[in-house]
Amino acid sequence: MFKSLKITCDEATTICDKNQYGEASIIELIKLNLHFVKCRICARYTKQNMTLTKLYKGHASSCKEMKHCMSHDDKDALKKALQEGNKAFNEVGS
């Protein structure tokens, strides 16, 4: 019975990723927590993964409130740089 609950580190990281999106089943979560007993690396991976997710979600929600637009001067400068880059690329290719 316990053999069916054993998972590899690759399987543990997959379950961890699924758990972030609420897609992991109860059995998978049990297997994952049993795996943590013997593998501190996967436990640390999961903790770091969840921390990064929280940070990203926090930043993403505050970022949605802000409007990110380039000024017309910045857009013109970028267009000019791209045109010059294309021109130099085409000259080298000829």
C-alpha atoms as a PDB file:
ATOM      1  CA  MET A   1       0.000   0.000   0.000  1.00  0.00           C
ATOM      2  CA  PHE A   2       2.765   2.458   0.901  1.00  0.00           C
ATOM      3  CA  LYS A   3       4.537   1.824  -2.388  1.00  0.00           C
ATOM      4  CA  SER A   4       1.587   3.384  -4.192  1.00  0.00           C
ATOM      5  CA  LEU A   5       2.087   6.544  -2.124  1.00  0.00           C
ATOM      6  CA  LYS A   6       5.781   6.894  -3.002  1.00  0.00           C
ATOM      7  CA  ILE A   7       6.609   9.488  -5.648  1.00  0.00           C
ATOM      8  CA  THR A   8       9.782  10.803  -7.242  1.00  0.00           C
ATOM      9  CA  CYS A   9      11.012  14.374  -6.952  1.00  0.00           C
ATOM     10  CA  ASP A  10       9.861  15.026 -10.530  1.00  0.00           C
ATOM     11  CA  GLU A  11       6.365  13.877  -9.638  1.00  0.00           C
ATOM     12  CA  ALA A  12       6.471  16.003  -6.476  1.00  0.00           C
ATOM     13  CA  THR A  13       7.315  19.172  -8.397  1.00  0.00           C
ATOM     14  CA  THR A  14       4.552  18.414 -10.900  1.00  0.00           C
ATOM     15  CA  ILE A  15       2.020  18.001  -8.079  1.00  0.00           C
ATOM     16  CA  CYS A  16       3.341  21.199  -6.467  1.00  0.00           C
ATOM     17  CA  ASP A  17       2.761  23.100  -9.698  1.00  0.00           C
ATOM     18  CA  LYS A  18      -0.709  21.602 -10.079  1.00  0.00           C
ATOM     19  CA  ASN A  19      -1.518  22.558  -6.496  1.00  0.00           C
ATOM     20  CA  GLN A  20      -0.733  26.202  -7.239  1.00  0.00           C
ATOM     21  CA  TYR A  21      -3.613  26.272  -9.700  1.00  0.00           C
ATOM     22  CA  GLY A  22      -5.956  24.178  -7.561  1.00  0.00           C
ATOM     23  CA  GLU A  23      -5.725  21.171  -9.869  1.00  0.00           C
ATOM     24  CA  ALA A  24      -4.126  18.646  -7.495  1.00  0.00           C
ATOM     25  CA  SER A  25      -6.315  15.875  -6.120  1.00  0.00           C
ATOM     26  CA  ILE A  26      -6.479  14.894  -2.438  1.00  0.00           C
ATOM     27  CA  ILE A  27      -4.457  11.721  -3.130  1.00  0.00           C
ATOM     28  CA  GLU A  28      -1.769  13.755  -4.899  1.00  0.00           C
ATOM     29  CA  LEU A  29      -1.564  16.154  -1.952  1.00  0.00           C
ATOM     30  CA  ILE A  30      -1.211  13.238   0.466  1.00  0.00           C
ATOM     31  CA  LYS A  31       1.580  11.782  -1.688  1.00  0.00           C
ATOM     32  CA  LEU A  32       3.253  15.194  -1.838  1.00  0.00           C
ATOM     33  CA  ASN A  33       3.170  15.696   1.939  1.00  0.00           C
ATOM     34  CA  LEU A  34       4.513  12.182   2.529  1.00  0.00           C
ATOM     35  CA  HIS A  35       7.308  12.953   0.075  1.00  0.00           C
ATOM     36  CA  PHE A  36       8.177  16.095   2.082  1.00  0.00           C
ATOM     37  CA  VAL A  37       8.941  13.905   5.118  1.00  0.00           C
ATOM     38  CA  LYS A  38      11.948  12.405   3.357  1.00  0.00           C
ATOM     39  CA  CYS A  39      12.842  15.169   0.899  1.00  0.00           C
ATOM     40  CA  ARG A  40      13.584  18.622   2.265  1.00  0.00           C
ATOM     41  CA  ILE A  41      14.627  19.882  -1.177  1.00  0.00           C
ATOM     42  CA  CYS A  42      11.129  19.405  -2.591  1.00  0.00           C
ATOM     43  CA  ALA A  43       9.629  20.964   0.530  1.00  0.00           C
ATOM     44  CA  ARG A  44      11.862  24.007   0.018  1.00  0.00           C
ATOM     45  CA  TYR A  45      10.971  24.119  -3.696  1.00  0.00           C
ATOM     46  CA  THR A  46       7.273  24.163  -2.829  1.00  0.00           C
ATOM     47  CA  LYS A  47       7.730  26.883  -0.223  1.00  0.00           C
ATOM     48  CA  GLN A  48       9.745  29.058  -2.622  1.00  0.00           C
ATOM     49  CA  ASN A  49       7.274  28.409  -5.424  1.00  0.00           C
ATOM     50  CA  MET A  50       4.346  29.514  -3.270  1.00  0.00           C
ATOM     51  CA  THR A  51       6.245  32.622  -2.133  1.00  0.00           C
ATOM     52  CA  LEU A  52       6.985  33.613  -5.723  1.00  0.00           C
ATOM     53  CA  THR A  53       3.352  33.052  -6.676  1.00  0.00           C
ATOM     54  CA  LYS A  54       2.148  35.299  -3.835  1.00  0.00           C
ATOM     55  CA  LEU A  55       4.642  37.999  -4.811  1.00  0.00           C
ATOM     56  CA  TYR A  56       3.641  37.823  -8.445  1.00  0.00           C
ATOM     57  CA  LYS A  57      -0.078  37.914  -7.681  1.00  0.00           C
ATOM     58  CA  GLY A  58       0.434  40.907  -5.410  1.00  0.00           C
ATOM     59  CA  HIS A  59       2.437  42.732  -8.048  1.00  0.00           C
ATOM     60  CA  ALA A  60       0.051  41.768 -10.841  1.00  0.00           C
ATOM     61  CA  SER A  61      -2.995  43.082  -8.985  1.00  0.00           C
ATOM     62  CA  SER A  62      -1.331  46.436  -8.264  1.00  0.00           C
ATOM     63  CA  CYS A  63       0.039  46.563 -11.794  1.00  0.00           C
ATOM     64  CA  LYS A  64      -3.452  46.251 -13.299  1.00  0.00           C
ATOM     65  CA  GLU A  65      -4.417  49.530 -11.666  1.00  0.00           C
ATOM     66  CA  MET A  66      -1.555  51.372 -13.356  1.00  0.00           C
ATOM     67  CA  LYS A  67      -1.567  52.336 -16.998  1.00  0.00           C
ATOM     68  CA  HIS A  68       1.719  51.562 -18.716  1.00  0.00           C
ATOM     69  CA  CYS A  69       2.175  53.529 -21.905  1.00  0.00           C
ATOM     70  CA  MET A  70       5.187  54.830 -23.741  1.00  0.00           C
ATOM     71  CA  SER A  71       5.331  58.518 -24.524  1.00  0.00           C
ATOM     72  CA  HIS A  72       5.181  59.560 -28.172  1.00  0.00           C
ATOM     73  CA  ASP A  73       8.828  60.657 -28.004  1.00  0.00           C
ATOM     74  CA  ASP A  74       9.860  57.223 -26.679  1.00  0.00           C
ATOM     75  CA  LYS A  75       7.833  55.495 -29.395  1.00  0.00           C
ATOM     76  CA  ASP A  76       9.449  57.632 -32.108  1.00  0.00           C
ATOM     77  CA  ALA A  77      12.933  56.946 -30.705  1.00  0.00           C
ATOM     78  CA  LEU A  78      12.209  53.199 -30.640  1.00  0.00           C
ATOM     79  CA  LYS A  79      10.902  53.243 -34.231  1.00  0.00           C
ATOM     80  CA  LYS A  80      14.010  55.119 -35.363  1.00  0.00           C
ATOM     81  CA  ALA A  81      16.313  52.652 -33.600  1.00  0.00           C
ATOM     82  CA  LEU A  82      14.481  49.684 -35.149  1.00  0.00           C
ATOM     83  CA  GLN A  83      14.645  51.226 -38.621  1.00  0.00           C
ATOM     84  CA  GLU A  84      18.365  51.880 -38.245  1.00  0.00           C
ATOM     85  CA  GLY A  85      18.872  48.321 -37.006  1.00  0.00           C
ATOM     86  CA  ASN A  86      16.926  46.928 -39.972  1.00  0.00           C
ATOM     87  CA  LYS A  87      18.924  49.088 -42.370  1.00  0.00           C
ATOM     88  CA  ALA A  88      22.241  47.885 -40.914  1.00  0.00           C
ATOM     89  CA  PHE A  89      21.027  44.277 -40.962  1.00  0.00           C
ATOM     90  CA  ASN A  90      19.985  44.517 -44.603  1.00  0.00           C
ATOM     91  CA  GLU A  91      23.337  46.063 -45.573  1.00  0.00           C
ATOM     92  CA  VAL A  92      25.256  43.231 -43.913  1.00  0.00           C
ATOM     93  CA  GLY A  93      23.032  40.626 -45.564  1.00  0.00           C
ATOM     94  CA  SER A  94      23.651  42.044 -49.066  1.00  0.00           C
END
